[in-house]
Amino acid sequence: MSDTHANVAFVRTEQLPPKAPPVTAAGPVKWVRENLFSNVPYAILTLVAIYCIYAILAGFLPWLFGGVWNTNNIRECREVLEGATGGCFSVLSERWNQLIFGIAYDREAYWRPTLAFVLLFVAAAPVLFNKLPKQMLIFTGLYPFVAFYLIWGGTIFAPIMALIGFVVGYLVYSRLVASSFAAGFFGGVAAAAVTWWIGGFIVGAITPEQTFLEAVPSRDMGGFMLNMILGVVCVSLSLPIGIALALGRQSDMPIIKWICVVFIEFVRGVPLITLLFVANVVLAYFLPPGTNFDLILRVIIMITMFSAAYIAEVIRGGLAALPRGQYEAADSLGLDYAQAMRLIILPQALKISIPGIVNVAVGLFKDTTLVSVISMFDLVGMIRGPILSSTDWNGVYWELWGFAILLFFVVCYGISQYSQWLERQLATDHR
């Protein structure tokens, strides 16, 4: 009996607990081996990169953490440092208000552009995130008029009359468009123009003592606030204009097609700095004598034209990437041109065009610094002009330009991350 049991193989009745993988086959060690030291050339490049990073940080970190923040000029900074390594960051604590807001506002009025900036996120939220309540779009429509009043000040009746003009124009358009699109469009424009003309007389009759907020001239606008104004306004306007130009370039009507083609090719063939010089100098020669055409408005028109031409080509590429079957599907459903574009074609084309549109938007925001060449004191103009030209801070460069780099990087990186998130949300295709 014992010999029989000795020859029977043992069968385990429960599963063995899993063992942890070797240290070299999982976790950080595996990642380092596969990505940094997978072969000899990669190992050499990794070691060289580590040395370069160490050399940069060895000089940057003492300069950053050994900096001075509480002196009144560069001479006091150098006396405090006494030859030690450290940055003169006192220029930022002393001139931060000029770097951000320019010279347009008193310190007691900084709440105006700050409130306009905060409300920008509230107004943009329902446009950028479609899961928010649609009722928030009402504030989105009102925001341009609120922001205009907060930033420029003056009488409150100016933005109110502008809003009434848009409302009247839309009501006339909605009434007449049933009979003819052209009649509705031109009727709405005429009604809005008449309303604005009447509003101009009303606003002109108001004395400065009757205003609630002090008026701020456009020529005094400056700092990073000016870059934000130009970037937000021009990107918001150039996107719908670019869509219209892209559709017009593909139109079957020769006149509309060639107008769009000439506009796009001409604007894309001209440097932006040339258009800015036209806005600043040449445009005044084509206006009646005594005409006061706001400089910021002229710059916005030129930058919007420039970016709209590039966005039109990006969207045209998205339209060309769609298969012909999408257009045929819209025709088979009995949709007219406007319905097909709004419901089927444009949503797909815009999804394809997101990387290109974001690339244009980021480039446009950085190109707003070119306004400094036409004597507008944006962030770059403020650094090159009032700050570095003063005897107190002449010679401080790395601190100021590093601060400018940081501000632009934060905004551009935020735009890039949002675009990647939006692409993931719209990734409905099968892979």
Protein backbone atom coordinates (compact mmCIF):
# COMPACT_ATOMS: atom_id res chain seq x y z
CA MET A 1 0.00 0.00 0.00
CA SER A 2 2.75 2.43 0.89
CA ASP A 3 4.66 1.60 -2.33
CA THR A 4 1.54 2.31 -4.40
CA HIS A 5 1.06 5.76 -2.87
CA ALA A 6 4.72 6.57 -3.35
CA ASN A 7 4.43 6.14 -7.15
CA VAL A 8 1.38 8.48 -7.56
CA ALA A 9 2.30 12.02 -8.87
CA PHE A 10 1.32 14.98 -6.70
CA VAL A 11 -1.42 17.23 -8.15
CA ARG A 12 -1.77 20.75 -6.68
CA THR A 13 -5.35 21.73 -5.90
CA GLU A 14 -4.84 25.54 -5.70
CA GLN A 15 -3.11 28.02 -8.01
CA LEU A 16 0.26 29.42 -7.07
CA PRO A 17 0.21 33.15 -6.21
CA PRO A 18 1.75 35.26 -8.99
CA LYS A 19 5.28 36.44 -8.38
CA ALA A 20 6.44 39.98 -9.01
CA PRO A 21 8.36 40.44 -12.27
CA PRO A 22 12.09 40.98 -12.05
CA VAL A 23 13.21 44.50 -11.25
CA THR A 24 14.81 44.84 -14.67
CA ALA A 25 11.61 43.81 -16.50
CA ALA A 26 9.10 46.33 -15.05
CA GLY A 27 8.81 49.77 -13.57
CA PRO A 28 11.24 52.67 -13.91
CA VAL A 29 14.25 50.41 -14.44
CA LYS A 30 12.63 48.85 -17.51
CA TRP A 31 11.68 52.26 -18.89
CA VAL A 32 15.21 53.57 -18.43
CA ARG A 33 16.74 50.51 -20.08
CA GLU A 34 14.37 50.59 -23.07
CA ASN A 35 14.33 54.34 -23.67
CA LEU A 36 17.70 55.64 -22.48
CA PHE A 37 20.20 52.79 -22.52
CA SER A 38 18.81 50.31 -25.04
CA ASN A 39 22.05 50.33 -27.05
CA VAL A 40 25.46 51.97 -27.07
CA PRO A 41 24.57 55.04 -29.23
CA TYR A 42 21.48 55.74 -27.08
CA ALA A 43 23.57 55.41 -23.92
CA ILE A 44 26.14 57.92 -25.25
CA LEU A 45 23.42 60.41 -26.24
CA THR A 46 21.77 60.01 -22.83
CA LEU A 47 25.01 60.72 -20.99
CA VAL A 48 25.70 63.76 -23.17
CA ALA A 49 22.16 65.06 -22.58
CA ILE A 50 22.51 64.57 -18.81
CA TYR A 51 25.76 66.53 -18.83
CA CYS A 52 24.18 69.38 -20.86
CA ILE A 53 21.21 69.58 -18.50
CA TYR A 54 23.53 69.60 -15.51
CA ALA A 55 25.66 72.37 -17.02
CA ILE A 56 22.58 74.52 -17.73
CA LEU A 57 21.02 73.99 -14.29
CA ALA A 58 24.33 74.53 -12.53
CA GLY A 59 24.41 78.06 -13.90
CA PHE A 60 20.68 78.79 -13.94
CA LEU A 61 19.57 77.66 -10.48
CA PRO A 62 22.07 79.80 -8.51
CA TRP A 63 21.13 82.78 -10.72
CA LEU A 64 17.43 82.13 -10.07
CA PHE A 65 17.48 81.39 -6.34
CA GLY A 66 20.21 83.91 -5.58
CA GLY A 67 18.33 86.78 -7.20
CA VAL A 68 17.42 90.11 -5.62
CA TRP A 69 13.77 91.26 -5.50
CA ASN A 70 13.63 94.35 -3.29
CA THR A 71 15.91 97.06 -4.71
CA ASN A 72 14.96 100.26 -6.52
CA ASN A 73 17.43 100.16 -9.43
CA ILE A 74 20.17 98.09 -11.03
CA ARG A 75 22.92 99.83 -9.10
CA GLU A 76 21.44 98.76 -5.77
CA CYS A 77 21.07 95.22 -7.14
CA ARG A 78 24.77 95.04 -7.95
CA GLU A 79 25.68 96.41 -4.54
CA VAL A 80 23.59 93.73 -2.83
CA LEU A 81 24.99 90.94 -4.98
CA GLU A 82 28.63 92.18 -4.65
CA GLY A 83 29.84 90.00 -7.49
CA ALA A 84 27.84 86.93 -6.48
CA THR A 85 25.71 85.02 -8.97
CA GLY A 86 22.11 86.18 -8.97
CA GLY A 87 19.49 87.86 -11.09
CA CYS A 88 18.19 91.37 -10.61
CA PHE A 89 14.50 90.47 -10.34
CA SER A 90 13.71 93.76 -8.67
CA VAL A 91 12.83 95.09 -12.10
CA LEU A 92 9.87 92.69 -12.15
CA SER A 93 8.62 93.66 -8.69
CA GLU A 94 9.14 97.34 -9.54
CA ARG A 95 7.71 97.42 -13.09
CA TRP A 96 5.28 94.50 -13.15
CA ASN A 97 2.35 96.86 -13.63
CA GLN A 98 3.86 98.32 -16.80
CA LEU A 99 4.72 94.87 -18.12
CA ILE A 100 1.15 93.66 -17.64
CA PHE A 101 -1.06 96.74 -18.06
CA GLY A 102 1.15 99.31 -19.78
CA ILE A 103 0.70 102.96 -18.85
CA ALA A 104 -3.02 103.33 -19.55
CA TYR A 105 -4.38 102.82 -16.03
CA ASP A 106 -3.76 104.12 -12.56
CA ARG A 107 -3.10 101.52 -9.90
CA GLU A 108 -6.63 101.97 -8.57
CA ALA A 109 -8.04 101.03 -12.02
CA TYR A 110 -6.18 97.73 -12.52
CA TRP A 111 -9.37 95.93 -11.55
CA ARG A 112 -10.91 96.86 -14.91
CA PRO A 113 -8.64 94.85 -17.25
CA THR A 114 -8.29 92.15 -14.58
CA LEU A 115 -12.07 91.70 -14.40
CA ALA A 116 -12.29 91.67 -18.20
CA PHE A 117 -9.63 88.93 -18.29
CA VAL A 118 -11.45 86.80 -15.71
CA LEU A 119 -14.77 87.19 -17.49
CA LEU A 120 -13.07 86.05 -20.71
CA PHE A 121 -12.83 82.52 -19.31
CA VAL A 122 -16.50 82.58 -18.33
CA ALA A 123 -17.51 83.75 -21.82
CA ALA A 124 -15.24 81.28 -23.63
CA ALA A 125 -16.18 78.26 -21.49
CA PRO A 126 -19.49 77.33 -23.26
CA VAL A 127 -17.77 77.70 -26.65
CA LEU A 128 -14.78 75.57 -25.74
CA PHE A 129 -16.62 72.93 -23.69
CA ASN A 130 -19.93 71.78 -25.17
CA LYS A 131 -21.12 70.02 -21.99
CA LEU A 132 -21.78 73.31 -20.21
CA PRO A 133 -25.31 74.77 -20.15
CA LYS A 134 -26.22 76.50 -23.40
CA GLN A 135 -27.72 79.39 -21.46
CA MET A 136 -24.16 80.55 -20.80
CA LEU A 137 -23.93 81.51 -24.47
CA ILE A 138 -26.05 84.56 -23.65
CA PHE A 139 -23.17 85.96 -21.61
CA THR A 140 -20.77 84.95 -24.40
CA GLY A 141 -22.69 87.23 -26.77
CA LEU A 142 -22.70 90.07 -24.25
CA TYR A 143 -19.05 89.74 -23.27
CA PRO A 144 -17.50 91.79 -26.13
CA PHE A 145 -19.56 94.82 -25.11
CA VAL A 146 -18.82 94.33 -21.40
CA ALA A 147 -15.10 93.91 -22.05
CA PHE A 148 -15.02 96.97 -24.31
CA TYR A 149 -16.57 99.12 -21.59
CA LEU A 150 -14.27 97.78 -18.88
CA ILE A 151 -11.09 98.25 -20.90
CA TRP A 152 -11.79 101.48 -22.78
CA GLY A 153 -14.22 103.07 -20.34
CA GLY A 154 -16.08 106.24 -21.24
CA THR A 155 -19.85 106.34 -21.45
CA ILE A 156 -21.76 103.12 -20.98
CA PHE A 157 -24.14 104.12 -23.75
CA ALA A 158 -21.53 103.40 -26.45
CA PRO A 159 -21.49 99.59 -25.96
CA ILE A 160 -25.25 99.63 -25.28
CA MET A 161 -25.98 101.34 -28.60
CA ALA A 162 -23.59 98.96 -30.38
CA LEU A 163 -25.44 95.99 -28.86
CA ILE A 164 -28.83 97.46 -29.83
CA GLY A 165 -27.56 97.89 -33.39
CA PHE A 166 -26.64 94.21 -33.64
CA VAL A 167 -29.98 93.15 -32.16
CA VAL A 168 -31.96 95.36 -34.55
CA GLY A 169 -29.92 94.13 -37.52
CA TYR A 170 -30.52 90.50 -36.57
CA LEU A 171 -34.26 91.02 -36.14
CA VAL A 172 -34.54 92.67 -39.57
CA TYR A 173 -32.44 89.91 -41.11
CA SER A 174 -34.59 87.16 -39.58
CA ARG A 175 -37.76 88.81 -40.92
CA LEU A 176 -36.51 89.38 -44.49
CA VAL A 177 -34.36 86.30 -45.04
CA ALA A 178 -37.46 84.16 -45.65
CA SER A 179 -38.10 86.04 -48.90
CA SER A 180 -34.47 86.46 -49.99
CA PHE A 181 -31.10 85.98 -48.36
CA ALA A 182 -29.74 89.11 -50.05
CA ALA A 183 -32.70 91.18 -48.86
CA GLY A 184 -32.30 89.89 -45.31
CA PHE A 185 -28.54 90.47 -45.27
CA PHE A 186 -28.52 93.98 -46.70
CA GLY A 187 -31.65 94.89 -44.72
CA GLY A 188 -30.02 93.79 -41.48
CA VAL A 189 -26.81 95.70 -42.26
CA ALA A 190 -28.79 98.85 -43.12
CA ALA A 191 -30.87 98.63 -39.94
CA ALA A 192 -27.76 98.15 -37.79
CA ALA A 193 -26.02 101.07 -39.53
CA VAL A 194 -28.98 103.40 -38.93
CA THR A 195 -29.09 102.38 -35.27
CA TRP A 196 -25.37 103.03 -34.84
CA TRP A 197 -25.70 106.39 -36.62
CA ILE A 198 -28.44 107.46 -34.20
CA GLY A 199 -26.41 106.10 -31.30
CA GLY A 200 -23.43 108.15 -32.42
CA PHE A 201 -25.42 111.36 -31.93
CA ILE A 202 -26.56 110.20 -28.49
CA VAL A 203 -23.06 109.24 -27.38
CA GLY A 204 -21.60 112.45 -28.79
CA ALA A 205 -24.00 114.55 -26.72
CA ILE A 206 -22.77 112.99 -23.45
CA THR A 207 -20.20 115.04 -21.55
CA PRO A 208 -17.18 113.46 -19.81
CA GLU A 209 -18.73 114.26 -16.43
CA GLN A 210 -21.60 111.89 -17.24
CA THR A 211 -19.36 108.84 -17.72
CA PHE A 212 -19.00 106.17 -15.07
CA LEU A 213 -15.51 104.89 -15.97
CA GLU A 214 -12.65 107.10 -17.05
CA ALA A 215 -12.01 106.85 -20.78
CA VAL A 216 -8.65 105.32 -21.78
CA PRO A 217 -7.11 106.27 -25.17
CA SER A 218 -6.11 103.38 -27.41
CA ARG A 219 -2.65 104.86 -27.90
CA ASP A 220 -1.98 104.33 -24.16
CA MET A 221 -2.86 100.62 -24.27
CA GLY A 222 0.18 98.48 -23.69
CA GLY A 223 1.84 95.64 -21.85
CA PHE A 224 0.87 92.00 -22.09
CA MET A 225 -2.75 93.16 -21.93
CA LEU A 226 -2.41 94.56 -25.47
CA ASN A 227 -1.03 91.23 -26.73
CA MET A 228 -4.01 89.45 -25.16
CA ILE A 229 -6.50 91.89 -26.70
CA LEU A 230 -5.02 91.51 -30.18
CA GLY A 231 -4.64 87.75 -29.89
CA VAL A 232 -8.15 87.01 -28.61
CA VAL A 233 -9.96 89.42 -30.93
CA CYS A 234 -8.01 88.52 -34.08
CA VAL A 235 -8.25 84.75 -33.57
CA SER A 236 -11.99 85.02 -32.83
CA LEU A 237 -12.61 87.06 -35.98
CA SER A 238 -10.23 85.26 -38.34
CA LEU A 239 -11.78 81.81 -37.84
CA PRO A 240 -15.26 82.57 -39.31
CA ILE A 241 -13.72 84.79 -42.00
CA GLY A 242 -11.28 82.01 -42.88
CA ILE A 243 -14.14 79.51 -43.17
CA ALA A 244 -16.00 81.89 -45.50
CA LEU A 245 -12.88 82.39 -47.64
CA ALA A 246 -12.25 78.64 -47.87
CA LEU A 247 -15.83 77.98 -48.96
CA GLY A 248 -15.68 80.92 -51.37
CA ARG A 249 -12.50 79.57 -52.97
CA GLN A 250 -14.30 76.31 -53.70
CA SER A 251 -17.43 78.06 -54.97
CA ASP A 252 -18.78 77.39 -58.47
CA MET A 253 -19.47 81.12 -58.96
CA PRO A 254 -16.42 82.58 -60.76
CA ILE A 255 -16.63 86.09 -59.28
CA ILE A 256 -16.78 84.91 -55.67
CA LYS A 257 -14.11 82.29 -56.28
CA TRP A 258 -11.61 84.70 -57.86
CA ILE A 259 -12.21 87.39 -55.24
CA CYS A 260 -11.33 84.85 -52.52
CA VAL A 261 -8.35 83.51 -54.48
CA VAL A 262 -6.90 86.98 -55.07
CA PHE A 263 -7.43 87.99 -51.44
CA ILE A 264 -5.85 84.82 -50.02
CA GLU A 265 -2.85 84.78 -52.34
CA PHE A 266 -2.18 88.50 -51.98
CA VAL A 267 -2.35 88.55 -48.18
CA ARG A 268 -0.27 85.37 -47.85
CA GLY A 269 2.36 86.90 -50.11
CA VAL A 270 2.81 90.03 -47.99
CA PRO A 271 4.72 90.06 -44.65
CA LEU A 272 2.66 90.91 -41.59
CA ILE A 273 5.00 93.75 -40.67
CA THR A 274 4.20 95.39 -44.03
CA LEU A 275 0.48 95.23 -43.28
CA LEU A 276 1.13 96.79 -39.88
CA PHE A 277 3.00 99.68 -41.47
CA VAL A 278 0.08 100.10 -43.87
CA ALA A 279 -2.31 100.21 -40.90
CA ASN A 280 -0.17 102.75 -39.08
CA VAL A 281 0.89 105.10 -41.89
CA VAL A 282 -0.49 104.43 -45.35
CA LEU A 283 -4.14 103.86 -44.40
CA ALA A 284 -4.48 107.42 -43.15
CA TYR A 285 -3.88 108.75 -46.70
CA PHE A 286 -7.01 107.00 -47.96
CA LEU A 287 -9.27 108.48 -45.27
CA PRO A 288 -11.00 111.88 -45.40
CA PRO A 289 -9.11 114.72 -43.66
CA GLY A 290 -9.79 114.87 -39.96
CA THR A 291 -10.94 111.24 -39.76
CA ASN A 292 -9.98 109.60 -36.48
CA PHE A 293 -9.59 105.88 -37.18
CA ASP A 294 -8.57 104.08 -33.98
CA LEU A 295 -5.06 102.59 -34.27
CA ILE A 296 -5.91 99.37 -32.43
CA LEU A 297 -8.89 98.86 -34.75
CA ARG A 298 -6.63 99.32 -37.78
CA VAL A 299 -4.13 96.82 -36.39
CA ILE A 300 -6.91 94.33 -35.60
CA ILE A 301 -8.19 94.57 -39.19
CA MET A 302 -4.76 93.89 -40.67
CA ILE A 303 -3.84 91.03 -38.34
CA THR A 304 -7.28 89.46 -38.84
CA MET A 305 -6.91 89.66 -42.63
CA PHE A 306 -3.46 88.07 -42.39
CA SER A 307 -4.50 85.17 -40.17
CA ALA A 308 -7.81 84.61 -42.00
CA ALA A 309 -5.92 83.97 -45.25
CA TYR A 310 -3.81 81.27 -43.60
CA ILE A 311 -6.76 79.70 -41.80
CA ALA A 312 -8.65 79.61 -45.12
CA GLU A 313 -5.91 77.47 -46.65
CA VAL A 314 -5.86 75.17 -43.60
CA ILE A 315 -9.62 74.65 -43.81
CA ARG A 316 -9.45 74.18 -47.58
CA GLY A 317 -7.03 71.33 -46.92
CA GLY A 318 -9.55 69.81 -44.51
CA LEU A 319 -12.33 70.11 -47.10
CA ALA A 320 -10.14 68.48 -49.74
CA ALA A 321 -9.31 65.60 -47.37
CA LEU A 322 -12.95 64.52 -47.12
CA PRO A 323 -13.96 61.71 -49.47
CA ARG A 324 -16.36 62.55 -52.26
CA GLY A 325 -18.91 60.21 -50.71
CA GLN A 326 -19.62 62.72 -47.92
CA TYR A 327 -20.78 65.32 -50.44
CA GLU A 328 -22.85 62.72 -52.28
CA ALA A 329 -24.39 61.59 -49.00
CA ALA A 330 -25.52 65.14 -48.29
CA ASP A 331 -27.05 65.38 -51.78
CA SER A 332 -28.84 62.06 -51.33
CA LEU A 333 -30.47 63.36 -48.14
CA GLY A 334 -31.91 66.31 -50.04
CA LEU A 335 -29.90 68.91 -48.11
CA ASP A 336 -29.19 72.27 -49.68
CA TYR A 337 -25.70 73.79 -49.74
CA ALA A 338 -25.98 75.59 -46.40
CA GLN A 339 -27.43 72.55 -44.61
CA ALA A 340 -24.84 70.18 -46.08
CA MET A 341 -21.98 72.41 -45.03
CA ARG A 342 -23.33 73.05 -41.54
CA LEU A 343 -24.40 69.50 -40.70
CA ILE A 344 -22.06 67.18 -42.60
CA ILE A 345 -19.07 68.75 -44.36
CA LEU A 346 -17.74 71.49 -42.07
CA PRO A 347 -17.84 69.48 -38.79
CA GLN A 348 -15.61 66.83 -40.35
CA ALA A 349 -13.35 69.32 -42.14
CA LEU A 350 -12.84 71.38 -39.00
CA LYS A 351 -11.94 68.28 -37.00
CA ILE A 352 -9.27 67.44 -39.55
CA SER A 353 -8.05 71.03 -39.55
CA ILE A 354 -7.64 71.43 -35.77
CA PRO A 355 -3.82 71.03 -35.71
CA GLY A 356 -3.38 73.53 -38.54
CA ILE A 357 -5.79 76.05 -37.01
CA VAL A 358 -4.03 75.83 -33.64
CA ASN A 359 -0.68 76.29 -35.37
CA VAL A 360 -1.94 79.50 -37.00
CA ALA A 361 -3.47 80.71 -33.72
CA VAL A 362 -0.25 80.16 -31.77
CA GLY A 363 1.81 81.85 -34.46
CA LEU A 364 -0.64 84.75 -34.61
CA PHE A 365 -0.48 85.29 -30.85
CA LYS A 366 3.31 85.41 -30.94
CA ASP A 367 3.23 87.73 -33.97
CA THR A 368 1.30 90.32 -31.97
CA THR A 369 4.71 91.41 -30.65
CA LEU A 370 5.39 92.92 -34.09
CA VAL A 371 3.18 95.88 -33.16
CA SER A 372 6.16 97.20 -31.21
CA VAL A 373 7.75 98.27 -34.52
CA ILE A 374 4.90 100.75 -35.11
CA SER A 375 5.41 102.38 -31.70
CA MET A 376 2.76 100.41 -29.82
CA PHE A 377 3.91 99.53 -26.31
CA ASP A 378 2.96 95.89 -26.01
CA LEU A 379 5.02 93.62 -23.74
CA VAL A 380 8.05 93.71 -26.04
CA GLY A 381 7.61 97.42 -26.76
CA MET A 382 7.34 98.16 -23.05
CA ILE A 383 10.59 96.30 -22.36
CA ARG A 384 12.49 97.92 -25.23
CA GLY A 385 11.04 101.36 -24.58
CA PRO A 386 10.18 102.80 -21.15
CA ILE A 387 11.96 100.16 -19.04
CA LEU A 388 15.32 99.58 -20.73
CA SER A 389 15.61 103.22 -21.77
CA SER A 390 15.46 104.36 -18.15
CA THR A 391 18.70 104.78 -16.25
CA ASP A 392 17.35 102.72 -13.34
CA TRP A 393 17.12 99.46 -15.26
CA ASN A 394 19.33 99.89 -18.31
CA GLY A 395 21.37 96.69 -18.47
CA VAL A 396 18.77 94.25 -17.12
CA TYR A 397 17.96 91.88 -20.01
CA TRP A 398 17.68 88.23 -19.00
CA GLU A 399 15.16 88.91 -16.25
CA LEU A 400 12.81 90.92 -18.48
CA TRP A 401 13.01 88.72 -21.55
CA GLY A 402 12.70 85.59 -19.41
CA PHE A 403 9.50 86.98 -17.91
CA ALA A 404 8.16 87.68 -21.43
CA ILE A 405 9.06 84.15 -22.52
CA LEU A 406 7.25 82.69 -19.52
CA LEU A 407 4.03 84.62 -20.22
CA PHE A 408 3.91 83.66 -23.88
CA PHE A 409 4.81 80.05 -23.13
CA VAL A 410 1.96 79.68 -20.63
CA VAL A 411 -0.62 80.97 -23.11
CA CYS A 412 0.69 79.04 -26.13
CA TYR A 413 1.10 75.82 -24.15
CA GLY A 414 -2.45 76.17 -22.85
CA ILE A 415 -3.77 76.54 -26.41
CA SER A 416 -1.79 73.48 -27.51
CA GLN A 417 -3.05 71.33 -24.63
CA TYR A 418 -6.66 72.36 -25.26
CA SER A 419 -6.35 71.43 -28.93
CA GLN A 420 -5.01 67.98 -28.03
CA TRP A 421 -7.86 67.48 -25.57
CA LEU A 422 -10.36 68.55 -28.24
CA GLU A 423 -8.88 66.11 -30.74
CA ARG A 424 -9.31 63.27 -28.23
CA GLN A 425 -12.92 64.30 -27.59
CA LEU A 426 -13.69 64.34 -31.31
CA ALA A 427 -11.88 61.07 -32.09
CA THR A 428 -15.05 59.18 -33.04
CA ASP A 429 -13.58 57.18 -35.95
CA HIS A 430 -12.85 53.46 -35.69
CA ARG A 431 -9.20 52.48 -35.39
